[in-house]
N, C-alpha and C. Protein backbone atom coordinates (compact mmCIF):
# COMPACT_ATOMS: atom_id res chain seq x y z
N MET A 1 -61.94 47.52 2.64
CA MET A 1 -61.04 48.35 3.31
C MET A 1 -61.06 48.31 4.48
N ILE A 2 -62.12 48.05 5.18
CA ILE A 2 -62.26 48.25 6.82
C ILE A 2 -61.93 46.79 7.44
N VAL A 3 -62.22 45.58 6.47
CA VAL A 3 -61.51 44.44 6.95
C VAL A 3 -60.21 44.33 6.84
N SER A 4 -59.63 44.69 5.72
CA SER A 4 -58.21 44.73 5.36
C SER A 4 -57.36 45.40 6.54
N ASN A 5 -58.06 46.58 7.10
CA ASN A 5 -57.07 47.45 8.14
C ASN A 5 -57.49 46.79 9.24
N SER A 6 -58.52 46.08 9.49
CA SER A 6 -58.61 45.41 10.89
C SER A 6 -57.95 44.05 11.12
N ILE A 7 -57.53 43.55 10.19
CA ILE A 7 -56.82 41.85 10.09
C ILE A 7 -55.41 42.67 10.02
N LYS A 8 -54.55 42.00 10.92
CA LYS A 8 -53.32 42.34 11.05
C LYS A 8 -52.21 40.80 11.45
N GLU A 9 -51.91 40.62 10.11
CA GLU A 9 -51.43 39.14 10.30
C GLU A 9 -49.86 39.45 10.51
N LYS A 10 -49.23 38.55 11.46
CA LYS A 10 -47.95 38.58 11.33
C LYS A 10 -47.17 37.61 10.87
N ARG A 11 -46.37 37.77 9.59
CA ARG A 11 -45.95 36.85 8.70
C ARG A 11 -44.39 36.90 9.08
N GLU A 12 -43.69 35.34 9.38
CA GLU A 12 -42.40 35.22 9.73
C GLU A 12 -41.80 35.12 8.24
N ALA A 13 -40.84 35.83 8.07
CA ALA A 13 -40.04 35.81 7.05
C ALA A 13 -39.09 34.39 6.93
N ILE A 14 -39.08 34.09 5.69
CA ILE A 14 -38.25 32.50 5.39
C ILE A 14 -36.63 33.02 5.71
N GLN A 15 -36.16 32.13 6.50
CA GLN A 15 -34.93 32.74 6.76
C GLN A 15 -34.20 31.40 6.09
N TYR A 16 -33.02 32.10 5.18
CA TYR A 16 -32.31 31.67 4.46
C TYR A 16 -30.67 31.57 5.35
N SER A 17 -30.26 30.57 5.07
CA SER A 17 -28.71 30.27 5.82
C SER A 17 -28.03 29.84 4.80
N LEU A 18 -26.79 30.52 4.67
CA LEU A 18 -25.50 29.97 3.87
C LEU A 18 -25.24 28.63 4.35
N THR A 19 -24.78 27.67 3.27
CA THR A 19 -24.21 26.62 3.78
C THR A 19 -22.86 26.74 4.24
N GLU A 20 -22.57 26.08 5.40
CA GLU A 20 -21.05 26.14 5.89
C GLU A 20 -19.95 25.91 4.87
N GLU A 21 -18.98 26.99 4.80
CA GLU A 21 -17.88 26.51 4.16
C GLU A 21 -17.28 25.41 4.71
N LYS A 22 -16.46 24.75 3.94
CA LYS A 22 -15.84 23.61 4.19
C LYS A 22 -14.27 24.09 4.93
N PRO A 23 -13.92 23.64 5.58
CA PRO A 23 -12.74 23.90 6.06
C PRO A 23 -11.24 23.83 5.15
N LYS A 24 -10.42 24.83 4.90
CA LYS A 24 -9.60 24.56 4.13
C LYS A 24 -8.49 23.49 4.44
N ILE A 25 -7.90 22.82 3.47
CA ILE A 25 -6.95 21.80 3.89
C ILE A 25 -5.72 22.65 3.99
N ASN A 26 -4.93 22.21 5.56
CA ASN A 26 -3.79 22.70 5.65
C ASN A 26 -2.73 21.62 5.25
N TYR A 27 -1.99 22.14 3.92
CA TYR A 27 -1.39 21.02 3.38
C TYR A 27 0.07 21.15 4.35
N LYS A 28 0.44 22.03 5.09
CA LYS A 28 1.55 21.94 5.66
C LYS A 28 1.53 20.78 6.57
N LYS A 29 0.29 20.84 7.40
CA LYS A 29 -0.04 20.16 8.29
C LYS A 29 -0.43 18.54 7.85
N GLU A 30 -1.07 18.31 6.73
CA GLU A 30 -0.98 17.05 6.32
C GLU A 30 0.04 16.36 5.60
N ILE A 31 0.98 17.01 4.86
CA ILE A 31 2.00 16.46 4.44
C ILE A 31 3.27 16.40 5.72
N ASN A 32 2.95 15.62 6.63
CA ASN A 32 3.69 15.57 7.72
C ASN A 32 4.85 14.59 7.69
N PRO A 33 5.61 14.30 8.56
CA PRO A 33 6.66 13.75 8.64
C PRO A 33 6.23 11.89 8.45
N SER A 34 5.10 11.69 9.04
CA SER A 34 4.65 10.42 9.12
C SER A 34 4.07 9.92 7.76
N THR A 35 3.60 10.91 7.06
CA THR A 35 3.03 10.71 5.81
C THR A 35 4.04 10.51 4.80
N LEU A 36 5.25 11.36 4.79
CA LEU A 36 6.09 11.26 3.95
C LEU A 36 6.94 9.86 4.01
N TYR A 37 7.00 9.41 5.37
CA TYR A 37 7.71 8.03 5.29
C TYR A 37 6.76 6.93 4.92
N ILE A 38 5.44 6.91 5.07
CA ILE A 38 4.27 6.19 4.76
C ILE A 38 4.61 6.05 3.07
N LEU A 39 4.64 7.32 2.53
CA LEU A 39 4.79 7.59 0.81
C LEU A 39 6.24 6.79 0.29
N PHE A 40 7.21 7.07 1.19
CA PHE A 40 8.82 6.58 1.21
C PHE A 40 8.55 4.77 0.99
N ALA A 41 7.82 4.36 2.29
CA ALA A 41 7.78 2.98 2.11
C ALA A 41 7.21 2.32 1.22
N ILE A 42 5.70 3.12 0.76
CA ILE A 42 5.14 2.62 -0.28
C ILE A 42 5.71 2.71 -1.60
N PHE A 43 6.58 3.36 -1.86
CA PHE A 43 7.41 3.30 -3.28
C PHE A 43 8.49 2.37 -3.32
N PHE A 44 8.90 2.09 -2.14
CA PHE A 44 9.86 0.98 -2.34
C PHE A 44 9.37 -0.23 -2.05
N TRP A 45 8.47 -0.46 -1.55
CA TRP A 45 7.88 -2.06 -1.62
C TRP A 45 7.10 -2.35 -2.82
N PHE A 46 6.46 -1.18 -3.84
CA PHE A 46 5.88 -1.23 -5.16
C PHE A 46 7.18 -1.55 -6.02
N VAL A 47 8.39 -0.82 -5.82
CA VAL A 47 9.63 -0.98 -6.44
C VAL A 47 9.72 -2.58 -6.57
N ALA A 48 10.09 -3.12 -5.60
CA ALA A 48 10.30 -4.72 -5.36
C ALA A 48 9.49 -5.28 -5.91
N TYR A 49 7.73 -5.14 -5.59
CA TYR A 49 6.80 -5.95 -6.14
C TYR A 49 6.72 -5.83 -7.71
N GLN A 50 6.99 -4.76 -8.10
CA GLN A 50 6.81 -4.47 -9.64
C GLN A 50 8.06 -5.07 -10.35
N GLY A 51 9.16 -4.99 -9.86
CA GLY A 51 10.42 -5.51 -10.57
C GLY A 51 10.62 -6.85 -10.63
N ILE A 52 9.96 -7.64 -9.44
CA ILE A 52 9.93 -9.05 -9.38
C ILE A 52 8.65 -9.38 -10.31
N GLU A 53 7.82 -8.97 -10.40
CA GLU A 53 6.31 -9.38 -11.26
C GLU A 53 6.95 -9.13 -13.03
N ALA A 54 8.12 -8.16 -13.28
CA ALA A 54 8.39 -7.82 -14.13
C ALA A 54 9.33 -8.85 -14.99
N LEU A 55 10.45 -9.30 -14.00
CA LEU A 55 11.49 -9.94 -14.45
C LEU A 55 11.61 -11.49 -13.90
N PHE A 56 10.40 -12.00 -13.16
CA PHE A 56 10.32 -13.37 -12.80
C PHE A 56 10.37 -14.30 -13.72
N THR A 57 9.82 -14.41 -14.83
CA THR A 57 9.87 -15.23 -15.95
C THR A 57 11.39 -15.77 -16.41
N LEU A 58 12.08 -14.32 -16.80
CA LEU A 58 13.49 -14.39 -16.88
C LEU A 58 14.43 -14.95 -15.75
N PHE A 59 13.85 -14.58 -14.85
CA PHE A 59 14.66 -15.38 -13.42
C PHE A 59 14.52 -16.78 -13.33
N ALA A 60 13.02 -17.19 -13.48
CA ALA A 60 12.89 -18.52 -13.39
C ALA A 60 13.46 -19.52 -14.38
N THR A 61 13.44 -18.89 -16.00
CA THR A 61 13.90 -19.63 -17.00
C THR A 61 15.41 -19.76 -16.91
N ASN A 62 16.06 -18.61 -16.38
CA ASN A 62 17.63 -19.12 -16.40
C ASN A 62 17.89 -19.45 -14.94
N VAL A 63 17.68 -19.45 -14.13
CA VAL A 63 18.08 -19.80 -12.92
C VAL A 63 17.46 -21.20 -12.35
N TYR A 64 16.10 -21.62 -12.47
CA TYR A 64 15.58 -23.05 -12.57
C TYR A 64 15.42 -23.76 -13.69
N GLY A 65 15.43 -23.05 -14.83
CA GLY A 65 15.77 -23.80 -16.05
C GLY A 65 14.26 -23.87 -16.58
N MET A 66 13.29 -23.49 -15.91
CA MET A 66 11.78 -23.49 -16.39
C MET A 66 11.31 -22.97 -17.77
N THR A 67 10.12 -23.51 -18.22
CA THR A 67 9.86 -22.86 -19.38
C THR A 67 8.71 -21.62 -18.94
N ASP A 68 8.57 -20.87 -20.18
CA ASP A 68 7.95 -19.70 -19.65
C ASP A 68 6.60 -19.87 -19.11
N GLY A 69 5.81 -21.14 -19.45
CA GLY A 69 4.68 -21.51 -19.17
C GLY A 69 4.76 -21.90 -17.36
N GLN A 70 5.71 -22.60 -17.37
CA GLN A 70 6.08 -23.00 -16.04
C GLN A 70 6.41 -21.67 -14.81
N ALA A 71 6.95 -20.84 -15.45
CA ALA A 71 7.27 -19.67 -14.52
C ALA A 71 5.97 -18.84 -14.69
N SER A 72 5.20 -18.81 -15.26
CA SER A 72 3.82 -17.93 -15.28
C SER A 72 3.06 -18.69 -14.18
N LEU A 73 3.14 -20.09 -14.13
CA LEU A 73 2.14 -20.75 -13.39
C LEU A 73 2.77 -20.70 -11.97
N THR A 74 4.03 -20.61 -11.75
CA THR A 74 4.82 -20.57 -10.58
C THR A 74 4.62 -19.15 -9.84
N LEU A 75 4.48 -18.07 -10.88
CA LEU A 75 4.40 -16.93 -10.41
C LEU A 75 2.61 -16.72 -9.91
N SER A 76 2.12 -17.49 -10.31
CA SER A 76 0.63 -17.52 -9.99
C SER A 76 0.09 -17.93 -8.53
N PHE A 77 1.03 -18.67 -7.81
CA PHE A 77 1.11 -18.81 -6.63
C PHE A 77 0.60 -17.72 -5.71
N PHE A 78 1.76 -16.91 -6.09
CA PHE A 78 1.72 -15.46 -5.32
C PHE A 78 0.60 -14.79 -5.24
N ALA A 79 0.14 -14.78 -6.69
CA ALA A 79 -1.22 -13.85 -6.67
C ALA A 79 -2.45 -14.65 -6.17
N LEU A 80 -2.38 -16.04 -6.28
CA LEU A 80 -3.45 -16.85 -5.63
C LEU A 80 -3.66 -16.53 -3.85
N SER A 81 -2.40 -16.59 -3.37
CA SER A 81 -2.82 -16.56 -2.05
C SER A 81 -2.96 -15.06 -1.56
N PHE A 82 -2.28 -14.19 -2.39
CA PHE A 82 -2.84 -12.88 -2.22
C PHE A 82 -4.13 -12.87 -2.14
N LEU A 83 -5.07 -13.26 -3.02
CA LEU A 83 -6.28 -13.11 -3.42
C LEU A 83 -7.19 -13.95 -2.10
N LEU A 84 -6.59 -14.89 -1.74
CA LEU A 84 -7.39 -15.68 -0.75
C LEU A 84 -7.10 -14.91 0.65
N PHE A 85 -5.98 -14.18 0.94
CA PHE A 85 -5.92 -13.63 2.20
C PHE A 85 -6.13 -12.16 2.18
N ALA A 86 -6.74 -11.84 0.83
CA ALA A 86 -6.95 -10.19 0.79
C ALA A 86 -7.94 -9.80 2.08
N ILE A 87 -9.09 -10.05 2.07
CA ILE A 87 -9.70 -9.68 3.08
C ILE A 87 -9.34 -10.14 4.52
N PRO A 88 -9.00 -11.46 4.95
CA PRO A 88 -8.40 -11.45 6.18
C PRO A 88 -7.27 -10.54 6.62
N SER A 89 -6.38 -9.99 5.61
CA SER A 89 -5.78 -9.26 6.18
C SER A 89 -6.42 -7.88 6.38
N GLY A 90 -7.27 -7.61 5.81
CA GLY A 90 -8.01 -6.12 6.21
C GLY A 90 -8.32 -6.16 7.70
N PHE A 91 -9.23 -7.30 7.78
CA PHE A 91 -9.71 -7.50 9.45
C PHE A 91 -8.51 -7.52 10.28
N LEU A 92 -7.44 -7.94 10.00
CA LEU A 92 -6.31 -8.10 10.78
C LEU A 92 -5.63 -6.72 10.96
N GLY A 93 -5.55 -5.84 9.81
CA GLY A 93 -5.31 -4.63 9.96
C GLY A 93 -6.10 -3.37 10.95
N ALA A 94 -7.32 -3.75 10.73
CA ALA A 94 -8.41 -3.12 11.64
C ALA A 94 -8.14 -3.55 13.09
N LYS A 95 -7.94 -4.57 13.29
CA LYS A 95 -8.25 -4.96 14.87
C LYS A 95 -6.70 -4.79 15.49
N PHE A 96 -5.68 -5.00 14.80
CA PHE A 96 -4.54 -4.97 15.59
C PHE A 96 -3.60 -3.63 15.22
N GLY A 97 -4.01 -2.92 14.38
CA GLY A 97 -3.12 -1.78 13.70
C GLY A 97 -2.83 -2.30 12.44
N LYS A 98 -2.65 -1.14 11.38
CA LYS A 98 -2.36 -1.53 9.80
C LYS A 98 -0.85 -1.27 10.08
N LYS A 99 -0.46 -0.46 10.84
CA LYS A 99 1.31 -0.49 10.83
C LYS A 99 1.65 -1.89 11.40
N ARG A 100 1.13 -2.32 12.37
CA ARG A 100 1.74 -3.71 12.89
C ARG A 100 1.46 -4.76 11.75
N ILE A 101 0.40 -4.82 11.17
CA ILE A 101 0.38 -5.81 10.23
C ILE A 101 1.26 -5.76 8.70
N ILE A 102 1.28 -4.34 8.48
CA ILE A 102 2.17 -4.21 7.34
C ILE A 102 3.53 -4.43 7.77
N MET A 103 4.10 -4.14 8.73
CA MET A 103 5.58 -4.53 9.33
C MET A 103 5.48 -5.90 9.21
N ILE A 104 4.42 -6.48 9.81
CA ILE A 104 4.77 -8.29 9.67
C ILE A 104 4.91 -8.83 8.04
N GLY A 105 4.21 -7.91 7.60
CA GLY A 105 4.08 -8.32 6.03
C GLY A 105 5.66 -7.92 5.36
N ILE A 106 6.01 -7.02 5.70
CA ILE A 106 7.47 -6.75 5.07
C ILE A 106 8.62 -7.53 5.73
N ILE A 107 8.37 -8.15 7.01
CA ILE A 107 9.59 -8.74 7.61
C ILE A 107 9.24 -10.24 6.83
N GLY A 108 8.12 -10.43 6.66
CA GLY A 108 8.15 -11.98 6.06
C GLY A 108 8.38 -12.01 4.84
N LEU A 109 8.19 -10.68 4.04
CA LEU A 109 8.59 -10.98 2.41
C LEU A 109 10.20 -11.00 2.32
N ILE A 110 10.62 -10.23 3.41
CA ILE A 110 12.14 -10.19 3.38
C ILE A 110 12.59 -11.64 3.35
N VAL A 111 12.18 -12.21 4.54
CA VAL A 111 12.51 -13.70 4.57
C VAL A 111 12.28 -14.64 3.44
N VAL A 112 11.10 -14.32 2.95
CA VAL A 112 10.65 -15.26 1.69
C VAL A 112 11.88 -14.77 0.67
N PHE A 113 11.96 -13.44 0.53
CA PHE A 113 12.98 -13.25 -0.76
C PHE A 113 14.31 -13.60 -0.50
N LEU A 114 14.60 -13.67 0.65
CA LEU A 114 16.20 -14.17 0.81
C LEU A 114 16.35 -15.51 0.78
N SER A 115 15.12 -16.23 1.05
CA SER A 115 15.36 -17.71 0.79
C SER A 115 15.25 -18.17 -0.41
N VAL A 116 14.94 -17.72 -1.45
CA VAL A 116 14.72 -17.95 -2.73
C VAL A 116 15.71 -18.63 -3.18
N ASN A 117 16.87 -17.90 -3.01
CA ASN A 117 18.19 -18.24 -3.53
C ASN A 117 18.76 -19.47 -2.99
N LEU A 118 18.11 -19.80 -1.73
CA LEU A 118 18.57 -21.03 -0.87
C LEU A 118 18.00 -22.46 -1.30
N ILE A 119 16.94 -22.47 -2.21
CA ILE A 119 16.42 -23.56 -2.61
C ILE A 119 16.61 -23.77 -4.13
N ASP A 120 16.42 -25.16 -4.67
CA ASP A 120 16.52 -25.47 -5.91
C ASP A 120 15.59 -26.11 -6.68
N SER A 121 14.35 -26.46 -5.87
CA SER A 121 12.98 -26.96 -6.11
C SER A 121 12.03 -25.83 -6.69
N MET A 122 11.32 -26.27 -8.01
CA MET A 122 10.29 -25.80 -8.33
C MET A 122 9.25 -25.42 -7.29
N TRP A 123 8.90 -26.64 -6.82
CA TRP A 123 7.77 -26.93 -5.98
C TRP A 123 8.03 -25.98 -4.41
N MET A 124 9.21 -26.30 -4.01
CA MET A 124 9.67 -25.22 -2.74
C MET A 124 9.43 -23.84 -3.19
N LEU A 125 9.68 -23.34 -4.45
CA LEU A 125 9.69 -21.72 -5.01
C LEU A 125 8.27 -21.76 -4.99
N ARG A 126 7.52 -22.74 -5.50
CA ARG A 126 6.09 -22.39 -5.53
C ARG A 126 5.36 -22.15 -4.30
N THR A 127 5.85 -23.12 -3.13
CA THR A 127 5.45 -22.76 -1.83
C THR A 127 5.73 -21.61 -1.13
N LEU A 128 7.21 -21.35 -1.47
CA LEU A 128 7.59 -19.82 -0.85
C LEU A 128 6.94 -18.62 -1.43
N LEU A 129 6.64 -18.65 -2.81
CA LEU A 129 6.11 -17.65 -3.40
C LEU A 129 4.26 -17.61 -2.76
N PHE A 130 3.96 -18.39 -2.37
CA PHE A 130 2.87 -18.77 -1.71
C PHE A 130 2.73 -18.16 -0.38
N ILE A 131 3.54 -18.23 0.20
CA ILE A 131 3.65 -17.63 1.44
C ILE A 131 4.04 -16.34 1.66
N GLY A 132 4.50 -15.99 0.20
CA GLY A 132 4.85 -14.52 0.36
C GLY A 132 3.52 -13.70 -0.22
N GLY A 133 2.91 -14.29 -0.96
CA GLY A 133 1.41 -13.79 -0.96
C GLY A 133 0.71 -13.50 -0.12
N LEU A 134 0.71 -14.16 1.06
CA LEU A 134 -0.11 -13.81 2.29
C LEU A 134 0.74 -12.67 2.96
N PHE A 135 2.01 -12.60 2.96
CA PHE A 135 2.65 -11.31 3.29
C PHE A 135 2.32 -10.04 2.48
N TRP A 136 2.37 -10.21 1.33
CA TRP A 136 2.12 -9.24 0.48
C TRP A 136 0.79 -8.52 0.25
N ALA A 137 -0.30 -9.33 0.79
CA ALA A 137 -1.46 -9.32 1.06
C ALA A 137 -1.60 -8.27 2.30
N CYS A 138 -0.71 -8.60 3.71
CA CYS A 138 -0.79 -7.64 4.63
C CYS A 138 -0.36 -6.30 4.48
N ILE A 139 0.72 -6.13 3.09
CA ILE A 139 1.26 -5.06 3.06
C ILE A 139 0.17 -4.02 2.26
N ASN A 140 -0.21 -4.76 1.02
CA ASN A 140 -0.77 -4.00 -0.04
C ASN A 140 -2.53 -3.67 0.32
N ILE A 141 -3.11 -4.60 1.08
CA ILE A 141 -4.41 -4.17 1.29
C ILE A 141 -4.48 -3.27 2.53
N ASN A 142 -3.75 -2.91 3.13
CA ASN A 142 -3.45 -1.99 4.55
C ASN A 142 -2.83 -0.69 4.15
N SER A 143 -2.41 -0.75 2.87
CA SER A 143 -1.45 0.49 2.85
C SER A 143 -2.19 1.84 2.51
N TYR A 144 -3.27 1.71 1.63
CA TYR A 144 -4.02 2.48 1.13
C TYR A 144 -4.82 3.17 2.34
N PRO A 145 -5.62 2.26 3.14
CA PRO A 145 -6.33 2.93 4.20
C PRO A 145 -5.41 3.22 5.42
N PHE A 146 -4.08 2.79 5.44
CA PHE A 146 -3.25 3.29 6.47
C PHE A 146 -2.75 4.81 6.02
N ILE A 147 -2.65 5.03 4.73
CA ILE A 147 -2.28 6.52 4.64
C ILE A 147 -3.26 7.56 4.74
N VAL A 148 -4.44 6.94 4.42
CA VAL A 148 -5.76 7.79 4.47
C VAL A 148 -6.16 7.87 5.93
N SER A 149 -5.89 7.14 6.80
CA SER A 149 -6.08 7.42 8.13
C SER A 149 -5.14 8.18 9.02
N THR A 150 -4.03 8.40 8.24
CA THR A 150 -3.07 9.39 9.27
C THR A 150 -3.43 11.01 8.94
N GLY A 151 -4.46 11.08 8.28
CA GLY A 151 -4.75 12.54 7.91
C GLY A 151 -6.17 12.97 8.41
N SER A 152 -6.69 14.09 7.99
CA SER A 152 -8.21 14.33 8.18
C SER A 152 -9.00 14.15 7.02
N GLU A 153 -10.46 14.26 7.42
CA GLU A 153 -11.25 13.88 6.50
C GLU A 153 -11.64 14.56 5.05
N GLU A 154 -11.02 15.90 5.34
CA GLU A 154 -10.86 16.64 4.39
C GLU A 154 -9.74 16.54 3.14
N ALA A 155 -8.71 15.78 3.83
CA ALA A 155 -7.65 15.41 2.88
C ALA A 155 -7.45 14.07 2.50
N ILE A 156 -8.77 13.30 2.35
CA ILE A 156 -8.93 12.07 1.59
C ILE A 156 -8.48 12.33 0.19
N GLY A 157 -8.87 12.92 -0.43
CA GLY A 157 -8.81 12.94 -2.05
C GLY A 157 -7.11 13.40 -2.14
N THR A 158 -6.67 14.13 -1.47
CA THR A 158 -5.08 14.61 -1.55
C THR A 158 -4.25 13.42 -1.30
N ARG A 159 -4.76 12.49 -0.34
CA ARG A 159 -3.91 11.35 -0.12
C ARG A 159 -4.04 10.55 -0.75
N THR A 160 -5.22 10.27 -1.32
CA THR A 160 -5.57 9.20 -2.45
C THR A 160 -4.63 9.41 -3.44
N GLY A 161 -4.77 10.74 -3.97
CA GLY A 161 -3.90 11.07 -5.30
C GLY A 161 -2.22 10.87 -4.91
N LEU A 162 -1.89 11.08 -3.71
CA LEU A 162 -0.57 11.03 -3.41
C LEU A 162 0.10 9.64 -3.30
N TYR A 163 -0.80 8.58 -3.04
CA TYR A 163 -0.92 7.53 -2.71
C TYR A 163 -0.47 6.51 -4.35
N TYR A 164 -1.43 7.24 -5.25
CA TYR A 164 -1.66 6.52 -6.69
C TYR A 164 -0.36 7.16 -7.43
N LEU A 165 0.05 8.64 -7.09
CA LEU A 165 0.99 9.03 -7.77
C LEU A 165 2.60 8.09 -7.21
N VAL A 166 2.81 7.92 -6.20
CA VAL A 166 3.97 7.21 -5.77
C VAL A 166 3.86 5.84 -6.14
N SER A 167 2.82 5.04 -6.16
CA SER A 167 2.51 3.65 -6.72
C SER A 167 2.83 3.79 -7.99
N SER A 168 2.38 4.53 -8.92
CA SER A 168 2.57 4.53 -10.20
C SER A 168 4.32 4.82 -10.43
N LEU A 169 4.82 5.98 -9.82
CA LEU A 169 6.39 6.21 -10.10
C LEU A 169 6.85 4.84 -9.90
N ALA A 170 6.67 3.93 -8.88
CA ALA A 170 7.30 2.78 -8.70
C ALA A 170 7.10 1.86 -9.53
N ALA A 171 5.94 2.06 -10.28
CA ALA A 171 5.51 0.84 -11.36
C ALA A 171 6.70 1.10 -12.61
N ILE A 172 6.75 2.38 -12.70
CA ILE A 172 7.41 2.82 -13.78
C ILE A 172 9.10 2.59 -13.72
N THR A 173 9.55 3.01 -12.49
CA THR A 173 11.03 2.80 -12.19
C THR A 173 11.46 1.58 -12.04
N GLY A 174 10.58 0.81 -11.27
CA GLY A 174 10.98 -0.58 -10.40
C GLY A 174 11.54 -1.50 -11.43
N PRO A 175 10.64 -1.84 -12.56
CA PRO A 175 11.27 -2.86 -13.38
C PRO A 175 12.78 -2.52 -14.21
N PRO A 176 12.54 -1.31 -14.60
CA PRO A 176 14.15 -1.07 -15.38
C PRO A 176 15.22 -0.79 -14.34
N LEU A 177 14.91 -0.40 -13.18
CA LEU A 177 15.91 0.01 -12.05
C LEU A 177 16.52 -1.59 -11.55
N MET A 178 15.59 -2.56 -11.35
CA MET A 178 15.83 -3.99 -10.96
C MET A 178 16.61 -4.79 -12.19
N GLY A 179 16.01 -4.38 -13.38
CA GLY A 179 16.66 -5.00 -14.45
C GLY A 179 18.14 -4.60 -14.84
N TYR A 180 18.33 -3.08 -14.64
CA TYR A 180 19.83 -2.73 -14.81
C TYR A 180 20.61 -3.36 -13.80
N ILE A 181 20.15 -3.48 -12.36
CA ILE A 181 21.13 -4.08 -11.39
C ILE A 181 21.41 -5.65 -11.70
N VAL A 182 20.30 -6.26 -12.27
CA VAL A 182 20.42 -7.85 -12.77
C VAL A 182 21.34 -7.65 -13.76
N ASP A 183 21.30 -6.74 -14.91
CA ASP A 183 22.49 -6.81 -16.06
C ASP A 183 23.88 -6.89 -15.56
N LEU A 184 23.98 -5.73 -14.45
CA LEU A 184 25.22 -5.68 -13.91
C LEU A 184 25.82 -7.08 -13.18
N THR A 185 24.69 -7.80 -12.45
CA THR A 185 25.27 -8.88 -11.65
C THR A 185 24.83 -9.98 -12.65
N ASN A 186 23.72 -10.65 -11.92
CA ASN A 186 23.20 -11.71 -12.37
C ASN A 186 21.73 -12.18 -11.89
N TYR A 187 20.79 -12.79 -12.36
CA TYR A 187 19.51 -13.16 -11.83
C TYR A 187 19.39 -13.80 -10.62
N ASN A 188 20.45 -13.96 -9.70
CA ASN A 188 20.41 -14.45 -8.51
C ASN A 188 20.35 -13.33 -7.49
N TRP A 189 20.56 -12.11 -8.22
CA TRP A 189 20.50 -10.65 -7.14
C TRP A 189 19.11 -10.24 -7.41
N LEU A 190 18.26 -10.55 -8.07
CA LEU A 190 16.67 -10.30 -8.29
C LEU A 190 16.11 -10.00 -6.98
N PHE A 191 15.94 -11.28 -6.25
CA PHE A 191 15.32 -11.18 -5.00
C PHE A 191 16.01 -10.57 -3.64
N VAL A 192 17.40 -10.59 -4.02
CA VAL A 192 18.08 -9.81 -3.12
C VAL A 192 18.09 -8.25 -3.18
N VAL A 193 17.78 -7.77 -4.47
CA VAL A 193 17.67 -6.40 -4.22
C VAL A 193 16.25 -6.05 -3.88
N ALA A 194 15.29 -7.03 -4.25
CA ALA A 194 14.02 -6.80 -3.70
C ALA A 194 13.91 -6.79 -2.38
N ALA A 195 14.53 -7.66 -1.49
CA ALA A 195 14.95 -7.76 -0.14
C ALA A 195 15.17 -6.42 0.34
N SER A 196 16.44 -6.10 -0.46
CA SER A 196 17.01 -4.68 0.26
C SER A 196 15.79 -3.68 0.08
N CYS A 197 14.88 -3.46 -0.99
CA CYS A 197 13.92 -2.24 -1.32
C CYS A 197 12.80 -2.52 0.16
N MET A 198 12.62 -3.66 0.65
CA MET A 198 11.60 -4.14 1.71
C MET A 198 12.05 -3.57 2.85
N ALA A 199 13.46 -3.78 2.97
CA ALA A 199 14.17 -3.45 4.32
C ALA A 199 14.19 -1.90 4.35
N VAL A 200 14.43 -0.97 3.54
CA VAL A 200 14.04 0.30 3.18
C VAL A 200 12.72 0.53 3.79
N ALA A 201 11.71 0.08 3.36
CA ALA A 201 10.55 0.30 3.32
C ALA A 201 10.02 0.19 4.72
N LEU A 202 10.45 -1.26 5.54
CA LEU A 202 10.60 -1.45 6.79
C LEU A 202 11.17 -0.31 7.74
N ILE A 203 12.07 0.16 7.26
CA ILE A 203 12.74 1.37 8.22
C ILE A 203 11.72 2.32 8.04
N SER A 204 11.13 3.07 7.13
CA SER A 204 10.48 3.80 7.09
C SER A 204 9.28 3.63 7.70
N ILE A 205 8.59 2.50 7.55
CA ILE A 205 7.44 2.21 8.48
C ILE A 205 7.66 2.57 9.94
N ILE A 206 8.75 2.01 10.24
CA ILE A 206 9.08 2.15 11.71
C ILE A 206 8.95 3.44 12.42
N CYS A 207 9.17 4.22 11.41
CA CYS A 207 9.54 5.84 11.57
C CYS A 207 8.13 6.63 11.94
N VAL A 208 7.28 6.06 11.36
CA VAL A 208 5.89 6.27 11.46
C VAL A 208 5.11 6.33 12.82
N ARG A 209 4.82 7.32 13.50
CA ARG A 209 4.22 7.32 14.69
C ARG A 209 3.00 6.94 14.90
N HIS A 210 1.93 6.96 13.74
CA HIS A 210 0.43 6.74 13.80
C HIS A 210 0.52 5.07 13.69
N THR A 211 -0.39 4.12 14.29
CA THR A 211 -0.42 3.08 14.29
C THR A 211 -1.21 2.32 13.31
N GLY A 212 -2.36 3.48 12.82
CA GLY A 212 -3.50 2.93 11.71
C GLY A 212 -4.50 2.23 12.32
N LYS A 213 -4.83 2.34 13.79
CA LYS A 213 -6.06 1.84 14.18
C LYS A 213 -7.14 2.67 14.07
N SER A 214 -8.38 2.26 13.94
CA SER A 214 -9.66 2.94 13.68
C SER A 214 -9.87 4.17 14.81
N GLU A 215 -9.72 3.77 15.73
CA GLU A 215 -10.00 4.40 17.25
C GLU A 215 -8.95 5.67 17.17
N GLU A 216 -7.86 5.07 16.87
CA GLU A 216 -6.88 6.65 16.56
C GLU A 216 -7.39 7.64 16.08
N GLN A 217 -7.78 7.22 14.70
CA GLN A 217 -8.30 8.26 13.88
C GLN A 217 -9.44 8.89 14.26
N SER A 218 -10.13 8.11 14.93
CA SER A 218 -11.56 8.88 15.71
C SER A 218 -11.06 9.95 16.60
N VAL A 219 -9.98 9.94 17.18
CA VAL A 219 -9.64 10.70 18.29
C VAL A 219 -8.98 11.86 17.86
N GLN A 220 -8.34 11.57 16.61
CA GLN A 220 -7.66 12.91 15.96
C GLN A 220 -8.62 13.67 15.50
N SER A 221 -9.69 13.06 14.64
CA SER A 221 -10.64 13.78 13.99
C SER A 221 -11.65 14.65 15.03
C-alpha cells in the first residue's frame, strides 16, 4: 500500500485520430465544358473507327474487288502500325501535350480517309492504312490520359466511367449509322463519312482549353 501510494506514474493516453475524410467530388466543376468537348470528340472519332472496322471488308470487296482474305489482310496494316506506334505516341503526348498530338492524329486521319477514294491500287490502299494507323495511335493512346488529366485526382474513376460509356455508345451506334448512310449512297462514301466524323471531333478538341501536359495537371492539383 505504501509503495503504491508513493509511486506516481504519469501515463500518456493513446491518441486516436480519425482518418481524414476524402473531399467530395464536385460534379458540377468536374463536368466542365472542356470535359464535354473531349467526350464529344471521343464519341465521333470512335464512330468513324468502329464504322470503318465493321464495314471495311464490304468496302474492299465491292470497290476494290478484293477477296475477304485480302480485305482482312489489308485492314491489318492499320492495326499493325497502331501497335508499332502506340508507345512512341504516348511519349509524344507527354512531351508536347496530348491535345496537340491528338489534333495531329485527327488531321492526319482526315487526309488519309479522303485520299482512299483517290487511289485504285491495293498496295497503295495498304500503305495509306499503315500511315492511318500511326495517326490513330496518336488519338487513341492519348485520349484516355487526356480526359483524366483535365480533372482532379478524386474524379479519376468518374472520368474513366465516362470515357468507356461514350466509347461504348460509339461502338454500338457507329456501324449501323455508317451502314445506313452507305445503303443510302454507296461504299465510296464510307471513308468520306468517317472523315466528316473526324472533322467534328477536331472542332471539339480545338474548343478544349486544357493542353494535356503533365506539368499543367500538377499546377491545377
